[in-house]
N, C-alpha and C. Protein backbone atom coordinates (compact mmCIF):
# COMPACT_ATOMS: atom_id res chain seq x y z
N MET A 1 134.67 86.64 105.54
CA MET A 1 134.31 85.24 105.45
C MET A 1 135.44 84.44 104.80
N GLU A 2 136.03 85.04 103.78
CA GLU A 2 137.10 84.33 103.08
C GLU A 2 138.33 84.18 103.98
N ARG A 3 138.54 85.17 104.86
CA ARG A 3 139.66 85.08 105.79
C ARG A 3 139.46 83.91 106.75
N LEU A 4 138.21 83.69 107.19
CA LEU A 4 137.90 82.57 108.06
C LEU A 4 138.18 81.24 107.37
N PHE A 5 137.78 81.13 106.11
CA PHE A 5 138.05 79.90 105.35
C PHE A 5 139.55 79.67 105.17
N SER A 6 140.30 80.74 104.98
CA SER A 6 141.75 80.58 104.81
C SER A 6 142.40 80.12 106.12
N ILE A 7 141.86 80.62 107.24
CA ILE A 7 142.40 80.17 108.53
C ILE A 7 142.05 78.71 108.77
N ILE A 8 140.80 78.32 108.47
CA ILE A 8 140.36 76.94 108.67
C ILE A 8 141.13 75.99 107.76
N ARG A 9 141.45 76.43 106.55
CA ARG A 9 142.16 75.56 105.61
C ARG A 9 143.66 75.47 105.88
N ASN A 10 144.16 76.27 106.80
CA ASN A 10 145.58 76.26 107.12
C ASN A 10 145.93 74.88 107.69
N LYS A 11 147.00 74.27 107.18
CA LYS A 11 147.35 72.91 107.57
C LYS A 11 147.77 72.82 109.04
N TYR A 12 148.32 73.89 109.60
CA TYR A 12 148.71 73.87 111.00
C TYR A 12 147.49 73.90 111.92
N VAL A 13 146.50 74.68 111.54
CA VAL A 13 145.26 74.74 112.32
C VAL A 13 144.55 73.39 112.26
N ILE A 14 144.50 72.81 111.09
CA ILE A 14 143.86 71.50 110.93
C ILE A 14 144.60 70.45 111.76
N ALA A 15 145.93 70.48 111.71
CA ALA A 15 146.72 69.50 112.48
C ALA A 15 146.53 69.71 113.98
N THR A 16 146.49 70.98 114.42
CA THR A 16 146.30 71.27 115.85
C THR A 16 144.93 70.82 116.33
N VAL A 17 143.89 71.10 115.55
CA VAL A 17 142.54 70.69 115.93
C VAL A 17 142.43 69.17 115.94
N ALA A 18 143.00 68.52 114.93
CA ALA A 18 142.96 67.06 114.88
C ALA A 18 143.70 66.46 116.07
N PHE A 19 144.85 67.02 116.41
CA PHE A 19 145.62 66.54 117.55
C PHE A 19 144.83 66.73 118.84
N ALA A 20 144.21 67.89 119.02
CA ALA A 20 143.44 68.17 120.23
C ALA A 20 142.25 67.21 120.35
N VAL A 21 141.54 66.99 119.26
CA VAL A 21 140.40 66.06 119.29
C VAL A 21 140.88 64.66 119.61
N TRP A 22 141.99 64.25 118.99
CA TRP A 22 142.52 62.91 119.24
C TRP A 22 142.91 62.75 120.72
N MET A 23 143.60 63.74 121.27
CA MET A 23 144.05 63.64 122.66
C MET A 23 142.89 63.71 123.65
N LEU A 24 141.85 64.47 123.33
CA LEU A 24 140.73 64.62 124.26
C LEU A 24 139.77 63.44 124.24
N PHE A 25 139.59 62.80 123.11
CA PHE A 25 138.53 61.79 123.01
C PHE A 25 138.99 60.38 122.63
N PHE A 26 140.05 60.24 121.88
CA PHE A 26 140.41 58.92 121.35
C PHE A 26 141.68 58.32 121.93
N ASP A 27 142.47 59.10 122.62
CA ASP A 27 143.72 58.60 123.16
C ASP A 27 143.48 57.66 124.34
N ARG A 28 144.48 56.92 124.69
CA ARG A 28 144.38 55.99 125.82
C ARG A 28 144.14 56.74 127.13
N HIS A 29 144.63 57.95 127.23
CA HIS A 29 144.48 58.77 128.44
C HIS A 29 143.53 59.94 128.16
N ASP A 30 142.35 59.64 127.68
CA ASP A 30 141.39 60.68 127.33
C ASP A 30 140.74 61.26 128.59
N ILE A 31 139.82 62.18 128.40
CA ILE A 31 139.21 62.91 129.51
C ILE A 31 138.44 61.97 130.43
N THR A 32 137.65 61.08 129.89
CA THR A 32 136.84 60.19 130.74
C THR A 32 137.72 59.26 131.57
N THR A 33 138.80 58.78 130.99
CA THR A 33 139.72 57.92 131.73
C THR A 33 140.38 58.70 132.86
N GLN A 34 140.80 59.92 132.57
CA GLN A 34 141.43 60.74 133.59
C GLN A 34 140.47 61.06 134.73
N TYR A 35 139.20 61.30 134.40
CA TYR A 35 138.20 61.56 135.44
C TYR A 35 137.97 60.32 136.31
N SER A 36 137.91 59.16 135.69
CA SER A 36 137.72 57.93 136.48
C SER A 36 138.93 57.67 137.37
N TYR A 37 140.13 57.95 136.87
CA TYR A 37 141.33 57.80 137.70
C TYR A 37 141.29 58.78 138.88
N TYR A 38 140.84 60.00 138.63
CA TYR A 38 140.77 61.01 139.68
C TYR A 38 139.76 60.61 140.75
N SER A 39 138.60 60.13 140.34
CA SER A 39 137.60 59.72 141.34
C SER A 39 138.07 58.49 142.12
N GLN A 40 138.75 57.58 141.46
CA GLN A 40 139.30 56.42 142.15
C GLN A 40 140.38 56.86 143.15
N LEU A 41 141.19 57.83 142.78
CA LEU A 41 142.22 58.35 143.67
C LEU A 41 141.59 58.99 144.91
N LYS A 42 140.52 59.75 144.72
CA LYS A 42 139.83 60.37 145.86
C LYS A 42 139.29 59.32 146.80
N SER A 43 138.67 58.27 146.27
CA SER A 43 138.12 57.24 147.15
C SER A 43 139.24 56.48 147.87
N LEU A 44 140.34 56.25 147.20
CA LEU A 44 141.46 55.56 147.85
C LEU A 44 142.11 56.41 148.94
N LYS A 45 142.17 57.73 148.73
CA LYS A 45 142.70 58.61 149.78
C LYS A 45 141.78 58.62 151.00
N ALA A 46 140.47 58.62 150.75
CA ALA A 46 139.53 58.58 151.87
C ALA A 46 139.65 57.27 152.63
N GLU A 47 139.81 56.17 151.90
CA GLU A 47 139.98 54.86 152.52
C GLU A 47 141.29 54.81 153.32
N LYS A 48 142.34 55.42 152.79
CA LYS A 48 143.62 55.46 153.49
C LYS A 48 143.49 56.24 154.79
N ALA A 49 142.79 57.36 154.75
CA ALA A 49 142.59 58.16 155.96
C ALA A 49 141.80 57.37 157.00
N PHE A 50 140.77 56.65 156.56
CA PHE A 50 139.99 55.84 157.48
C PHE A 50 140.85 54.78 158.15
N TYR A 51 141.63 54.05 157.36
CA TYR A 51 142.45 52.99 157.92
C TYR A 51 143.57 53.54 158.80
N THR A 52 144.08 54.71 158.48
CA THR A 52 145.10 55.32 159.31
C THR A 52 144.55 55.64 160.70
N THR A 53 143.34 56.21 160.75
CA THR A 53 142.74 56.50 162.05
C THR A 53 142.39 55.22 162.80
N GLU A 54 141.96 54.19 162.09
CA GLU A 54 141.67 52.91 162.74
C GLU A 54 142.94 52.30 163.32
N ILE A 55 144.04 52.38 162.59
CA ILE A 55 145.30 51.83 163.09
C ILE A 55 145.74 52.58 164.34
N GLU A 56 145.59 53.92 164.33
CA GLU A 56 145.94 54.69 165.52
C GLU A 56 145.07 54.31 166.71
N ARG A 57 143.77 54.12 166.47
CA ARG A 57 142.85 53.74 167.55
C ARG A 57 143.22 52.37 168.12
N VAL A 58 143.52 51.42 167.25
CA VAL A 58 143.88 50.08 167.70
C VAL A 58 145.21 50.10 168.45
N ASN A 59 146.16 50.89 167.97
CA ASN A 59 147.44 51.00 168.69
C ASN A 59 147.26 51.60 170.07
N GLN A 60 146.37 52.58 170.21
CA GLN A 60 146.09 53.15 171.52
C GLN A 60 145.43 52.12 172.43
N THR A 61 144.54 51.32 171.88
CA THR A 61 143.89 50.27 172.66
C THR A 61 144.91 49.23 173.12
N ILE A 62 145.80 48.84 172.24
CA ILE A 62 146.84 47.86 172.59
C ILE A 62 147.75 48.43 173.67
N GLU A 63 148.12 49.70 173.54
CA GLU A 63 148.98 50.33 174.54
C GLU A 63 148.26 50.37 175.89
N ALA A 64 146.97 50.70 175.88
CA ALA A 64 146.21 50.73 177.13
C ALA A 64 146.12 49.34 177.75
N LEU A 65 145.93 48.32 176.93
CA LEU A 65 145.84 46.95 177.45
C LEU A 65 147.18 46.48 178.01
N ASN A 66 148.27 46.93 177.42
CA ASN A 66 149.59 46.52 177.91
C ASN A 66 149.98 47.22 179.20
N THR A 67 149.47 48.44 179.43
CA THR A 67 149.91 49.20 180.60
C THR A 67 148.89 49.25 181.72
N ASP A 68 147.61 49.17 181.42
CA ASP A 68 146.57 49.36 182.43
C ASP A 68 145.83 48.04 182.68
N PRO A 69 146.00 47.45 183.87
CA PRO A 69 145.31 46.18 184.15
C PRO A 69 143.79 46.34 184.22
N GLU A 70 143.32 47.51 184.61
CA GLU A 70 141.87 47.71 184.64
C GLU A 70 141.27 47.71 183.25
N ALA A 71 141.99 48.29 182.30
CA ALA A 71 141.52 48.28 180.92
C ALA A 71 141.51 46.86 180.37
N LEU A 72 142.51 46.09 180.73
CA LEU A 72 142.56 44.69 180.31
C LEU A 72 141.39 43.90 180.89
N GLN A 73 141.10 44.13 182.14
CA GLN A 73 139.99 43.44 182.78
C GLN A 73 138.65 43.87 182.16
N ARG A 74 138.51 45.17 181.92
CA ARG A 74 137.27 45.66 181.32
C ARG A 74 137.07 45.07 179.92
N MET A 75 138.13 44.99 179.13
CA MET A 75 138.03 44.43 177.78
C MET A 75 137.67 42.95 177.85
N ALA A 76 138.28 42.22 178.78
CA ALA A 76 137.99 40.79 178.91
C ALA A 76 136.54 40.57 179.32
N ARG A 77 136.04 41.41 180.21
CA ARG A 77 134.67 41.25 180.66
C ARG A 77 133.67 41.63 179.57
N GLU A 78 133.90 42.76 178.91
CA GLU A 78 132.94 43.25 177.92
C GLU A 78 132.96 42.45 176.63
N LYS A 79 134.12 42.22 176.12
CA LYS A 79 134.20 41.62 174.79
C LYS A 79 134.17 40.09 174.83
N TYR A 80 134.83 39.51 175.79
CA TYR A 80 134.97 38.05 175.81
C TYR A 80 134.12 37.38 176.89
N LYS A 81 133.33 38.14 177.61
CA LYS A 81 132.40 37.62 178.62
C LYS A 81 133.11 36.77 179.68
N MET A 82 134.30 37.17 180.06
CA MET A 82 135.04 36.46 181.10
C MET A 82 134.57 36.93 182.48
N LYS A 83 134.83 36.11 183.49
CA LYS A 83 134.40 36.46 184.85
C LYS A 83 135.42 35.95 185.85
N LYS A 84 135.30 36.50 187.07
CA LYS A 84 136.15 36.06 188.16
C LYS A 84 135.54 34.83 188.81
N GLU A 85 136.32 34.18 189.69
CA GLU A 85 135.80 33.05 190.45
C GLU A 85 134.65 33.53 191.33
N ASN A 86 133.66 32.69 191.53
CA ASN A 86 132.50 32.97 192.38
C ASN A 86 131.78 34.25 191.97
N GLU A 87 131.68 34.46 190.68
CA GLU A 87 131.00 35.65 190.18
C GLU A 87 130.04 35.23 189.08
N ASP A 88 128.86 35.81 189.08
CA ASP A 88 127.88 35.52 188.05
C ASP A 88 127.81 36.69 187.08
N VAL A 89 127.71 36.37 185.80
CA VAL A 89 127.61 37.40 184.76
C VAL A 89 126.27 37.24 184.08
N PHE A 90 125.54 38.32 184.01
CA PHE A 90 124.25 38.32 183.32
C PHE A 90 124.38 39.17 182.06
N VAL A 91 124.07 38.57 180.92
CA VAL A 91 124.12 39.28 179.65
C VAL A 91 122.70 39.69 179.30
N ILE A 92 122.48 40.96 179.17
CA ILE A 92 121.15 41.48 178.85
C ILE A 92 121.13 41.92 177.40
N ILE A 93 120.24 41.32 176.64
CA ILE A 93 120.11 41.66 175.23
C ILE A 93 118.79 42.41 175.07
N GLU A 94 118.87 43.63 174.61
CA GLU A 94 117.67 44.43 174.42
C GLU A 94 117.06 44.12 173.07
N GLN A 95 115.78 43.89 173.06
CA GLN A 95 115.08 43.62 171.81
C GLN A 95 114.45 44.90 171.31
N GLN A 96 114.55 45.11 170.03
CA GLN A 96 113.93 46.28 169.44
C GLN A 96 112.45 46.01 169.19
N GLU A 97 111.65 46.99 169.42
CA GLU A 97 110.22 46.82 169.17
C GLU A 97 109.99 46.84 167.66
N SER A 98 109.18 45.89 167.21
CA SER A 98 108.89 45.83 165.77
C SER A 98 107.80 46.84 165.44
N PRO A 99 107.93 47.57 164.36
CA PRO A 99 106.89 48.53 163.99
C PRO A 99 105.62 47.82 163.54
N GLN A 100 104.51 48.28 164.07
CA GLN A 100 103.23 47.62 163.73
C GLN A 100 102.35 48.53 162.96
């Protein structure tokens, strides 16, 4: 028991424990801050991956519109409701049944 007290009273052990406690809980870069930074980094990486795939999809769409006239016509008809001369376009909107 006395050996344990002598180890605990050692100034180097006290300084090391105090330093560890300070760095883990009271420092500007403590554990909770590091965890919040890590979770924020994960969400930003996921967002980056999403936007990267969206950019690739949009670039493929732009390339298709620049090279394929049928794709351009299909996009104009579907998205912008354009039509040819002497042609009628009917827009059908499906209504969802309300739960009763």
